[in-house]
């Protein structure tokens, strides 16, 4: 008789442990799910990831423009032919015996 009682107690303890384990497991899953779906979860992560890509592209574009402008500054400081070309294009200047024709677009 005691053997049957002991076996029932063991089975009862196993059921209680399983119940506690599954309860903790489900609560943990719910916590993770709520954090993924919440305001600072997965949607926010994806939004920030997209923003990071856009900013990285903008940085590359600005670095390229910066290099181009530095090269232009160096050319303006040292290259007389470039200075003349820029003066002609930007200010409509002409050399001696030259005529400027402007067309409307």
PDB file of N, CA and C in Angstrom:
ATOM      1  N   UNK A   1       0.804  -1.179   0.000  1.00  0.00           N
ATOM      2  CA  UNK A   1       0.000   0.000   0.000  1.00  0.00           C
ATOM      3  C   UNK A   1       0.861   1.262   0.000  1.00  0.00           C
ATOM      4  N   UNK A   2       1.927   1.205   0.740  1.00  0.00           N
ATOM      5  CA  UNK A   2       2.795   2.366   0.780  1.00  0.00           C
ATOM      6  C   UNK A   2       3.481   2.601  -0.551  1.00  0.00           C
ATOM      7  N   UNK A   3       3.717   1.530  -1.257  1.00  0.00           N
ATOM      8  CA  UNK A   3       4.373   1.658  -2.548  1.00  0.00           C
ATOM      9  C   UNK A   3       3.487   2.441  -3.520  1.00  0.00           C
ATOM     10  N   UNK A   4       2.204   2.173  -3.514  1.00  0.00           N
ATOM     11  CA  UNK A   4       1.266   2.890  -4.375  1.00  0.00           C
ATOM     12  C   UNK A   4       1.167   4.357  -3.992  1.00  0.00           C
ATOM     13  N   UNK A   5       1.192   4.641  -2.708  1.00  0.00           N
ATOM     14  CA  UNK A   5       1.141   6.018  -2.223  1.00  0.00           C
ATOM     15  C   UNK A   5       2.405   6.778  -2.619  1.00  0.00           C
ATOM     16  N   UNK A   6       3.531   6.124  -2.478  1.00  0.00           N
ATOM     17  CA  UNK A   6       4.799   6.745  -2.856  1.00  0.00           C
ATOM     18  C   UNK A   6       4.847   7.028  -4.360  1.00  0.00           C
ATOM     19  N   UNK A   7       4.340   6.085  -5.125  1.00  0.00           N
ATOM     20  CA  UNK A   7       4.328   6.253  -6.589  1.00  0.00           C
ATOM     21  C   UNK A   7       3.408   7.420  -6.969  1.00  0.00           C
ATOM     22  N   UNK A   8       2.276   7.561  -6.321  1.00  0.00           N
ATOM     23  CA  UNK A   8       1.356   8.669  -6.600  1.00  0.00           C
ATOM     24  C   UNK A   8       1.984  10.009  -6.202  1.00  0.00           C
ATOM     25  N   UNK A   9       2.724  10.025  -5.103  1.00  0.00           N
ATOM     26  CA  UNK A   9       3.394  11.258  -4.688  1.00  0.00           C
ATOM     27  C   UNK A   9       4.469  11.668  -5.692  1.00  0.00           C
ATOM     28  N   UNK A  10       5.213  10.677  -6.185  1.00  0.00           N
ATOM     29  CA  UNK A  10       6.247  10.956  -7.193  1.00  0.00           C
ATOM     30  C   UNK A  10       5.602  11.503  -8.457  1.00  0.00           C
ATOM     31  N   UNK A  11       4.520  10.873  -8.886  1.00  0.00           N
ATOM     32  CA  UNK A  11       3.807  11.330 -10.093  1.00  0.00           C
ATOM     33  C   UNK A  11       3.255  12.738  -9.862  1.00  0.00           C
ATOM     34  N   UNK A  12       2.713  12.974  -8.675  1.00  0.00           N
ATOM     35  CA  UNK A  12       2.180  14.291  -8.347  1.00  0.00           C
ATOM     36  C   UNK A  12       3.290  15.345  -8.356  1.00  0.00           C
ATOM     37  N   UNK A  13       4.446  15.043  -7.819  1.00  0.00           N
ATOM     38  CA  UNK A  13       5.579  15.973  -7.816  1.00  0.00           C
ATOM     39  C   UNK A  13       6.048  16.272  -9.241  1.00  0.00           C
ATOM     40  N   UNK A  14       6.086  15.235 -10.070  1.00  0.00           N
ATOM     41  CA  UNK A  14       6.493  15.444 -11.475  1.00  0.00           C
ATOM     42  C   UNK A  14       5.506  16.366 -12.185  1.00  0.00           C
ATOM     43  N   UNK A  15       4.233  16.162 -11.947  1.00  0.00           N
ATOM     44  CA  UNK A  15       3.213  17.014 -12.570  1.00  0.00           C
ATOM     45  C   UNK A  15       3.381  18.471 -12.110  1.00  0.00           C
ATOM     46  N   UNK A  16       3.636  18.646 -10.811  1.00  0.00           N
ATOM     47  CA  UNK A  16       3.829  20.010 -10.286  1.00  0.00           C
ATOM     48  C   UNK A  16       5.056  20.670 -10.903  1.00  0.00           C
ATOM     49  N   UNK A  17       6.142  19.904 -11.022  1.00  0.00           N
ATOM     50  CA  UNK A  17       7.364  20.451 -11.642  1.00  0.00           C
ATOM     51  C   UNK A  17       7.125  20.827 -13.102  1.00  0.00           C
ATOM     52  N   UNK A  18       6.436  19.933 -13.819  1.00  0.00           N
ATOM     53  CA  UNK A  18       6.116  20.242 -15.232  1.00  0.00           C
ATOM     54  C   UNK A  18       5.257  21.492 -15.320  1.00  0.00           C
ATOM     55  N   UNK A  19       4.260  21.591 -14.436  1.00  0.00           N
ATOM     56  CA  UNK A  19       3.385  22.755 -14.437  1.00  0.00           C
ATOM     57  C   UNK A  19       4.191  24.030 -14.180  1.00  0.00           C
ATOM     58  N   UNK A  20       5.080  23.999 -13.215  1.00  0.00           N
ATOM     59  CA  UNK A  20       5.915  25.165 -12.919  1.00  0.00           C
ATOM     60  C   UNK A  20       6.819  25.479 -14.107  1.00  0.00           C
ATOM     61  N   UNK A  21       7.440  24.458 -14.686  1.00  0.00           N
ATOM     62  CA  UNK A  21       8.332  24.664 -15.831  1.00  0.00           C
ATOM     63  C   UNK A  21       7.574  25.282 -17.004  1.00  0.00           C
ATOM     64  N   UNK A  22       6.435  24.697 -17.358  1.00  0.00           N
ATOM     65  CA  UNK A  22       5.669  25.222 -18.488  1.00  0.00           C
ATOM     66  C   UNK A  22       5.134  26.625 -18.205  1.00  0.00           C
ATOM     67  N   UNK A  23       4.753  26.896 -16.990  1.00  0.00           N
ATOM     68  CA  UNK A  23       4.276  28.235 -16.633  1.00  0.00           C
ATOM     69  C   UNK A  23       5.396  29.266 -16.793  1.00  0.00           C
ATOM     70  N   UNK A  24       6.563  28.946 -16.276  1.00  0.00           N
ATOM     71  CA  UNK A  24       7.705  29.859 -16.408  1.00  0.00           C
ATOM     72  C   UNK A  24       8.081  30.015 -17.884  1.00  0.00           C
ATOM     73  N   UNK A  25       8.057  28.927 -18.622  1.00  0.00           N
ATOM     74  CA  UNK A  25       8.394  28.962 -20.044  1.00  0.00           C
ATOM     75  C   UNK A  25       7.411  29.839 -20.817  1.00  0.00           C
ATOM     76  N   UNK A  26       6.122  29.681 -20.557  1.00  0.00           N
ATOM     77  CA  UNK A  26       5.103  30.482 -21.257  1.00  0.00           C
ATOM     78  C   UNK A  26       5.222  31.954 -20.870  1.00  0.00           C
ATOM     79  N   UNK A  27       5.467  32.233 -19.602  1.00  0.00           N
ATOM     80  CA  UNK A  27       5.642  33.633 -19.176  1.00  0.00           C
ATOM     81  C   UNK A  27       6.860  34.244 -19.858  1.00  0.00           C
ATOM     82  N   UNK A  28       7.941  33.486 -19.962  1.00  0.00           N
ATOM     83  CA  UNK A  28       9.144  33.985 -20.639  1.00  0.00           C
ATOM     84  C   UNK A  28       8.859  34.245 -22.113  1.00  0.00           C
ATOM     85  N   UNK A  29       8.150  33.346 -22.772  1.00  0.00           N
ATOM     86  CA  UNK A  29       7.796  33.553 -24.179  1.00  0.00           C
ATOM     87  C   UNK A  29       6.911  34.785 -24.357  1.00  0.00           C
ATOM     88  N   UNK A  30       5.955  34.954 -23.468  1.00  0.00           N
ATOM     89  CA  UNK A  30       5.094  36.136 -23.544  1.00  0.00           C
ATOM     90  C   UNK A  30       5.900  37.416 -23.357  1.00  0.00           C
ATOM     91  N   UNK A  31       6.834  37.398 -22.429  1.00  0.00           N
ATOM     92  CA  UNK A  31       7.689  38.565 -22.193  1.00  0.00           C
ATOM     93  C   UNK A  31       8.501  38.906 -23.447  1.00  0.00           C
ATOM     94  N   UNK A  32       9.096  37.884 -24.033  1.00  0.00           N
ATOM     95  CA  UNK A  32       9.887  38.097 -25.259  1.00  0.00           C
ATOM     96  C   UNK A  32       8.992  38.600 -26.383  1.00  0.00           C
ATOM     97  N   UNK A  33       7.839  38.022 -26.550  1.00  0.00           N
ATOM     98  CA  UNK A  33       6.912  38.425 -27.606  1.00  0.00           C
ATOM     99  C   UNK A  33       6.479  39.878 -27.433  1.00  0.00           C
ATOM    100  N   UNK A  34       6.125  40.262 -26.199  1.00  0.00           N
ATOM    101  CA  UNK A  34       5.696  41.642 -25.941  1.00  0.00           C
ATOM    102  C   UNK A  34       6.837  42.612 -26.227  1.00  0.00           C
ATOM    103  N   UNK A  35       8.058  42.252 -25.871  1.00  0.00           N
ATOM    104  CA  UNK A  35       9.193  43.140 -26.131  1.00  0.00           C
ATOM    105  C   UNK A  35       9.509  43.242 -27.610  1.00  0.00           C
ATOM    106  N   UNK A  36       9.289  42.175 -28.365  1.00  0.00           N
ATOM    107  CA  UNK A  36       9.522  42.232 -29.806  1.00  0.00           C
ATOM    108  C   UNK A  36       8.486  43.098 -30.504  1.00  0.00           C
ATOM    109  N   UNK A  37       7.269  43.045 -30.063  1.00  0.00           N
ATOM    110  CA  UNK A  37       6.188  43.757 -30.727  1.00  0.00           C
ATOM    111  C   UNK A  37       6.016  45.168 -30.187  1.00  0.00           C
ATOM    112  N   UNK A  38       6.444  45.433 -28.994  1.00  0.00           N
ATOM    113  CA  UNK A  38       6.237  46.743 -28.355  1.00  0.00           C
ATOM    114  C   UNK A  38       6.909  47.886 -29.100  1.00  0.00           C
ATOM    115  N   UNK A  39       6.772  49.092 -28.553  1.00  0.00           N
ATOM    116  CA  UNK A  39       7.288  50.322 -29.175  1.00  0.00           C
ATOM    117  C   UNK A  39       8.789  50.277 -29.410  1.00  0.00           C
ATOM    118  N   UNK A  40       9.540  49.728 -28.508  1.00  0.00           N
ATOM    119  CA  UNK A  40      10.991  49.691 -28.647  1.00  0.00           C
ATOM    120  C   UNK A  40      11.479  48.329 -29.110  1.00  0.00           C
ATOM    121  N   UNK A  41      10.628  47.570 -29.705  1.00  0.00           N
ATOM    122  CA  UNK A  41      10.973  46.218 -30.126  1.00  0.00           C
ATOM    123  C   UNK A  41      11.403  46.149 -31.575  1.00  0.00           C
ATOM    124  N   UNK A  42      10.916  45.140 -32.248  1.00  0.00           N
ATOM    125  CA  UNK A  42      11.303  44.848 -33.628  1.00  0.00           C
ATOM    126  C   UNK A  42      10.987  45.990 -34.600  1.00  0.00           C
ATOM    127  N   UNK A  43       9.792  46.600 -34.547  1.00  0.00           N
ATOM    128  CA  UNK A  43       9.535  47.716 -35.483  1.00  0.00           C
ATOM    129  C   UNK A  43      10.541  48.861 -35.327  1.00  0.00           C
ATOM    130  N   UNK A  44      10.868  49.192 -34.101  1.00  0.00           N
ATOM    131  CA  UNK A  44      11.838  50.273 -33.851  1.00  0.00           C
ATOM    132  C   UNK A  44      13.218  49.880 -34.364  1.00  0.00           C
ATOM    133  N   UNK A  45      13.591  48.622 -34.155  1.00  0.00           N
ATOM    134  CA  UNK A  45      14.873  48.120 -34.639  1.00  0.00           C
ATOM    135  C   UNK A  45      14.954  48.239 -36.159  1.00  0.00           C
ATOM    136  N   UNK A  46      13.898  47.813 -36.849  1.00  0.00           N
ATOM    137  CA  UNK A  46      13.899  47.890 -38.312  1.00  0.00           C
ATOM    138  C   UNK A  46      13.945  49.331 -38.796  1.00  0.00           C
ATOM    139  N   UNK A  47      13.232  50.206 -38.104  1.00  0.00           N
ATOM    140  CA  UNK A  47      13.258  51.628 -38.459  1.00  0.00           C
ATOM    141  C   UNK A  47      14.658  52.214 -38.296  1.00  0.00           C
ATOM    142  N   UNK A  48      15.303  51.887 -37.188  1.00  0.00           N
ATOM    143  CA  UNK A  48      16.657  52.400 -36.942  1.00  0.00           C
ATOM    144  C   UNK A  48      17.667  51.799 -37.921  1.00  0.00           C
ATOM    145  N   UNK A  49      17.475  50.550 -38.289  1.00  0.00           N
ATOM    146  CA  UNK A  49      18.367  49.909 -39.254  1.00  0.00           C
ATOM    147  C   UNK A  49      18.262  50.597 -40.616  1.00  0.00           C
ATOM    148  N   UNK A  50      17.035  50.917 -41.031  1.00  0.00           N
ATOM    149  CA  UNK A  50      16.828  51.626 -42.287  1.00  0.00           C
ATOM    150  C   UNK A  50      17.436  53.027 -42.231  1.00  0.00           C
ATOM    151  N   UNK A  51      17.263  53.708 -41.109  1.00  0.00           N
ATOM    152  CA  UNK A  51      17.834  55.047 -40.947  1.00  0.00           C
ATOM    153  C   UNK A  51      19.355  54.996 -41.011  1.00  0.00           C
ATOM    154  N   UNK A  52      19.944  53.953 -40.423  1.00  0.00           N
ATOM    155  CA  UNK A  52      21.396  53.799 -40.452  1.00  0.00           C
ATOM    156  C   UNK A  52      21.895  53.648 -41.886  1.00  0.00           C
ATOM    157  N   UNK A  53      21.185  52.849 -42.695  1.00  0.00           N
ATOM    158  CA  UNK A  53      21.581  52.673 -44.095  1.00  0.00           C
ATOM    159  C   UNK A  53      21.520  54.001 -44.851  1.00  0.00           C
ATOM    160  N   UNK A  54      20.428  54.750 -44.633  1.00  0.00           N
ATOM    161  CA  UNK A  54      20.306  56.045 -45.313  1.00  0.00           C
ATOM    162  C   UNK A  54      21.420  57.002 -44.901  1.00  0.00           C
ATOM    163  N   UNK A  55      21.732  57.031 -43.621  1.00  0.00           N
ATOM    164  CA  UNK A  55      22.790  57.927 -43.135  1.00  0.00           C
ATOM    165  C   UNK A  55      24.165  57.507 -43.657  1.00  0.00           C
ATOM    166  N   UNK A  56      24.405  56.207 -43.760  1.00  0.00           N
ATOM    167  CA  UNK A  56      25.682  55.741 -44.303  1.00  0.00           C
ATOM    168  C   UNK A  56      25.822  56.145 -45.769  1.00  0.00           C
ATOM    169  N   UNK A  57      24.734  56.054 -46.546  1.00  0.00           N
ATOM    170  CA  UNK A  57      24.771  56.490 -47.944  1.00  0.00           C
ATOM    171  C   UNK A  57      25.021  57.989 -48.031  1.00  0.00           C
ATOM    172  N   UNK A  58      24.369  58.746 -47.145  1.00  0.00           N
ATOM    173  CA  UNK A  58      24.563  60.192 -47.134  1.00  0.00           C
ATOM    174  C   UNK A  58      26.008  60.547 -46.768  1.00  0.00           C
ATOM    175  N   UNK A  59      26.589  59.815 -45.834  1.00  0.00           N
ATOM    176  CA  UNK A  59      27.989  60.051 -45.454  1.00  0.00           C
ATOM    177  C   UNK A  59      28.905  59.819 -46.644  1.00  0.00           C
ATOM    178  N   UNK A  60      28.693  58.730 -47.372  1.00  0.00           N
ATOM    179  CA  UNK A  60      29.521  58.428 -48.545  1.00  0.00           C
ATOM    180  C   UNK A  60      29.381  59.542 -49.577  1.00  0.00           C
ATOM    181  N   UNK A  61      28.154  59.997 -49.806  1.00  0.00           N
ATOM    182  CA  UNK A  61      27.918  61.080 -50.763  1.00  0.00           C
ATOM    183  C   UNK A  61      28.639  62.359 -50.330  1.00  0.00           C
ATOM    184  N   UNK A  62      28.531  62.692 -49.046  1.00  0.00           N
ATOM    185  CA  UNK A  62      29.183  63.906 -48.560  1.00  0.00           C
ATOM    186  C   UNK A  62      30.705  63.795 -48.593  1.00  0.00           C
ATOM    187  N   UNK A  63      31.240  62.621 -48.319  1.00  0.00           N
ATOM    188  CA  UNK A  63      32.693  62.440 -48.406  1.00  0.00           C
ATOM    189  C   UNK A  63      33.176  62.602 -49.848  1.00  0.00           C
ATOM    190  N   UNK A  64      32.415  62.070 -50.805  1.00  0.00           N
ATOM    191  CA  UNK A  64      32.776  62.244 -52.215  1.00  0.00           C
ATOM    192  C   UNK A  64      32.734  63.716 -52.617  1.00  0.00           C
ATOM    193  N   UNK A  65      31.678  64.411 -52.178  1.00  0.00           N
ATOM    194  CA  UNK A  65      31.574  65.834 -52.494  1.00  0.00           C
ATOM    195  C   UNK A  65      32.707  66.618 -51.838  1.00  0.00           C
ATOM    196  N   UNK A  66      33.064  66.234 -50.623  1.00  0.00           N
ATOM    197  CA  UNK A  66      34.163  66.886 -49.911  1.00  0.00           C
ATOM    198  C   UNK A  66      35.477  66.711 -50.671  1.00  0.00           C
ATOM    199  N   UNK A  67      35.749  65.510 -51.170  1.00  0.00           N
ATOM    200  CA  UNK A  67      36.959  65.267 -51.966  1.00  0.00           C
ATOM    201  C   UNK A  67      36.961  66.119 -53.230  1.00  0.00           C
ATOM    202  N   UNK A  68      35.790  66.179 -53.881  1.00  0.00           N
ATOM    203  CA  UNK A  68      35.692  66.961 -55.111  1.00  0.00           C
ATOM    204  C   UNK A  68      35.954  68.443 -54.836  1.00  0.00           C
ATOM    205  N   UNK A  69      35.396  68.951 -53.751  1.00  0.00           N
ATOM    206  CA  UNK A  69      35.585  70.360 -53.416  1.00  0.00           C
ATOM    207  C   UNK A  69      37.036  70.663 -53.019  1.00  0.00           C
ATOM    208  N   UNK A  70      37.668  69.734 -52.297  1.00  0.00           N
ATOM    209  CA  UNK A  70      39.081  69.926 -51.955  1.00  0.00           C
ATOM    210  C   UNK A  70      39.946  69.965 -53.212  1.00  0.00           C
ATOM    211  N   UNK A  71      39.652  69.086 -54.170  1.00  0.00           N
ATOM    212  CA  UNK A  71      40.402  69.085 -55.432  1.00  0.00           C
ATOM    213  C   UNK A  71      40.177  70.389 -56.174  1.00  0.00           C
ATOM    214  N   UNK A  72      38.946  70.888 -56.143  1.00  0.00           N
ATOM    215  CA  UNK A  72      38.641  72.149 -56.817  1.00  0.00           C
ATOM    216  C   UNK A  72      39.379  73.301 -56.139  1.00  0.00           C
ATOM    217  N   UNK A  73      39.445  73.304 -54.834  1.00  0.00           N
ATOM    218  CA  UNK A  73      40.171  74.355 -54.101  1.00  0.00           C
ATOM    219  C   UNK A  73      41.649  74.328 -54.463  1.00  0.00           C
ATOM    220  N   UNK A  74      42.236  73.135 -54.485  1.00  0.00           N
ATOM    221  CA  UNK A  74      43.651  73.019 -54.856  1.00  0.00           C
ATOM    222  C   UNK A  74      43.889  73.511 -56.277  1.00  0.00           C
ATOM    223  N   UNK A  75      42.968  73.165 -57.176  1.00  0.00           N
ATOM    224  CA  UNK A  75      43.121  73.623 -58.560  1.00  0.00           C
ATOM    225  C   UNK A  75      43.014  75.146 -58.638  1.00  0.00           C
ATOM    226  N   UNK A  76      42.105  75.723 -57.872  1.00  0.00           N
ATOM    227  CA  UNK A  76      41.963  77.183 -57.875  1.00  0.00           C
ATOM    228  C   UNK A  76      43.188  77.868 -57.272  1.00  0.00           C
ATOM    229  N   UNK A  77      43.864  77.210 -56.359  1.00  0.00           N
ATOM    230  CA  UNK A  77      45.053  77.794 -55.753  1.00  0.00           C
ATOM    231  C   UNK A  77      46.271  77.713 -56.671  1.00  0.00           C
ATOM    232  N   UNK A  78      46.348  76.676 -57.495  1.00  0.00           N
ATOM    233  CA  UNK A  78      47.611  76.432 -58.183  1.00  0.00           C
ATOM    234  C   UNK A  78      47.540  76.361 -59.711  1.00  0.00           C
ATOM    235  N   UNK A  79      46.389  76.126 -60.279  1.00  0.00           N
ATOM    236  CA  UNK A  79      46.308  75.897 -61.730  1.00  0.00           C
ATOM    237  C   UNK A  79      45.726  77.130 -62.430  1.00  0.00           C
ATOM    238  N   UNK A  80      46.559  77.905 -63.137  1.00  0.00           N
ATOM    239  CA  UNK A  80      46.049  79.117 -63.799  1.00  0.00           C
ATOM    240  C   UNK A  80      45.028  78.817 -64.899  1.00  0.00           C
ATOM    241  N   UNK A  81      45.172  77.684 -65.570  1.00  0.00           N
ATOM    242  CA  UNK A  81      44.208  77.327 -66.616  1.00  0.00           C
ATOM    243  C   UNK A  81      42.835  77.026 -66.011  1.00  0.00           C
ATOM    244  N   UNK A  82      42.806  76.386 -64.858  1.00  0.00           N
ATOM    245  CA  UNK A  82      41.540  76.095 -64.186  1.00  0.00           C
ATOM    246  C   UNK A  82      40.901  77.385 -63.692  1.00  0.00           C
ATOM    247  N   UNK A  83      41.718  78.295 -63.173  1.00  0.00           N
ATOM    248  CA  UNK A  83      41.203  79.588 -62.708  1.00  0.00           C
ATOM    249  C   UNK A  83      40.558  80.329 -63.873  1.00  0.00           C
ATOM    250  N   UNK A  84      41.230  80.329 -65.005  1.00  0.00           N
ATOM    251  CA  UNK A  84      40.691  81.005 -66.182  1.00  0.00           C
ATOM    252  C   UNK A  84      39.386  80.350 -66.631  1.00  0.00           C
ATOM    253  N   UNK A  85      39.352  79.053 -66.648  1.00  0.00           N
ATOM    254  CA  UNK A  85      38.152  78.322 -67.065  1.00  0.00           C
ATOM    255  C   UNK A  85      36.977  78.665 -66.140  1.00  0.00           C
ATOM    256  N   UNK A  86      37.218  78.663 -64.821  1.00  0.00           N
ATOM    257  CA  UNK A  86      36.159  78.980 -63.875  1.00  0.00           C
ATOM    258  C   UNK A  86      35.689  80.421 -64.038  1.00  0.00           C
ATOM    259  N   UNK A  87      36.613  81.337 -64.257  1.00  0.00           N
ATOM    260  CA  UNK A  87      36.236  82.741 -64.444  1.00  0.00           C
ATOM    261  C   UNK A  87      35.376  82.894 -65.688  1.00  0.00           C
ATOM    262  N   UNK A  88      35.717  82.197 -66.735  1.00  0.00           N
ATOM    263  CA  UNK A  88      34.922  82.271 -67.969  1.00  0.00           C
ATOM    264  C   UNK A  88      33.517  81.694 -67.755  1.00  0.00           C
ATOM    265  N   UNK A  89      33.447  80.552 -67.097  1.00  0.00           N
ATOM    266  CA  UNK A  89      32.143  79.896 -66.906  1.00  0.00           C
ATOM    267  C   UNK A  89      31.279  80.619 -65.882  1.00  0.00           C
ATOM    268  N   UNK A  90      31.856  80.980 -64.744  1.00  0.00           N
ATOM    269  CA  UNK A  90      31.058  81.538 -63.654  1.00  0.00           C
ATOM    270  C   UNK A  90      30.692  83.006 -63.866  1.00  0.00           C
ATOM    271  N   UNK A  91      31.608  83.772 -64.420  1.00  0.00           N
ATOM    272  CA  UNK A  91      31.382  85.215 -64.519  1.00  0.00           C
ATOM    273  C   UNK A  91      31.195  85.704 -65.949  1.00  0.00           C
ATOM    274  N   UNK A  92      31.235  84.797 -66.907  1.00  0.00           N
ATOM    275  CA  UNK A  92      31.034  85.190 -68.300  1.00  0.00           C
ATOM    276  C   UNK A  92      32.149  86.048 -68.851  1.00  0.00           C
ATOM    277  N   UNK A  93      33.348  85.857 -68.350  1.00  0.00           N
ATOM    278  CA  UNK A  93      34.479  86.641 -68.818  1.00  0.00           C
ATOM    279  C   UNK A  93      35.005  86.085 -70.137  1.00  0.00           C
ATOM    280  N   UNK A  94      35.629  86.950 -70.897  1.00  0.00           N
ATOM    281  CA  UNK A  94      36.185  86.545 -72.185  1.00  0.00           C
ATOM    282  C   UNK A  94      37.588  87.111 -72.307  1.00  0.00           C
ATOM    283  N   UNK A  95      38.368  86.430 -73.116  1.00  0.00           N
ATOM    284  CA  UNK A  95      39.719  86.905 -73.379  1.00  0.00           C
ATOM    285  C   UNK A  95      39.682  87.992 -74.453  1.00  0.00           C
ATOM    286  N   UNK A  96      40.836  88.568 -74.727  1.00  0.00           N
ATOM    287  CA  UNK A  96      40.884  89.589 -75.781  1.00  0.00           C
ATOM    288  C   UNK A  96      40.495  88.973 -77.123  1.00  0.00           C
ATOM    289  N   UNK A  97      39.764  89.719 -77.906  1.00  0.00           N
ATOM    290  CA  UNK A  97      39.293  89.295 -79.235  1.00  0.00           C
ATOM    291  C   UNK A  97      38.386  88.060 -79.157  1.00  0.00           C
ATOM    292  N   UNK A  98      37.641  87.900 -78.097  1.00  0.00           N
ATOM    293  CA  UNK A  98      36.680  86.795 -77.977  1.00  0.00           C
ATOM    294  C   UNK A  98      35.284  87.380 -77.797  1.00  0.00           C
ATOM    295  N   UNK A  99      34.307  86.663 -78.297  1.00  0.00           N
ATOM    296  CA  UNK A  99      32.917  87.069 -78.163  1.00  0.00           C
ATOM    297  C   UNK A  99      32.175  85.995 -77.356  1.00  0.00           C
ATOM    298  N   UNK A 100      31.211  86.448 -76.564  1.00  0.00           N
ATOM    299  CA  UNK A 100      30.422  85.511 -75.761  1.00  0.00           C
ATOM    300  C   UNK A 100      29.018  85.478 -76.322  1.00  0.00           C
ATOM    301  N   UNK A 101      28.557  84.274 -76.619  1.00  0.00           N
ATOM    302  CA  UNK A 101      27.206  84.069 -77.093  1.00  0.00           C
ATOM    303  C   UNK A 101      26.416  83.346 -75.995  1.00  0.00           C
ATOM    304  N   UNK A 102      25.317  83.926 -75.598  1.00  0.00           N
ATOM    305  CA  UNK A 102      24.477  83.297 -74.578  1.00  0.00           C
ATOM    306  C   UNK A 102      23.171  82.889 -75.215  1.00  0.00           C
ATOM    307  N   UNK A 103      22.737  81.683 -74.908  1.00  0.00           N
ATOM    308  CA  UNK A 103      21.489  81.133 -75.450  1.00  0.00           C
ATOM    309  C   UNK A 103      20.494  80.943 -74.314  1.00  0.00           C
ATOM    310  N   UNK A 104      19.238  81.263 -74.619  1.00  0.00           N
ATOM    311  CA  UNK A 104      18.198  81.011 -73.611  1.00  0.00           C
ATOM    312  C   UNK A 104      17.781  79.552 -73.673  1.00  0.00           C
ATOM    313  N   UNK A 105      17.554  78.996 -72.529  1.00  0.00           N
ATOM    314  CA  UNK A 105      17.177  77.573 -72.486  1.00  0.00           C
ATOM    315  C   UNK A 105      15.715  77.415 -72.218  1.00  0.00           C
TER     316      UNK A 105
END
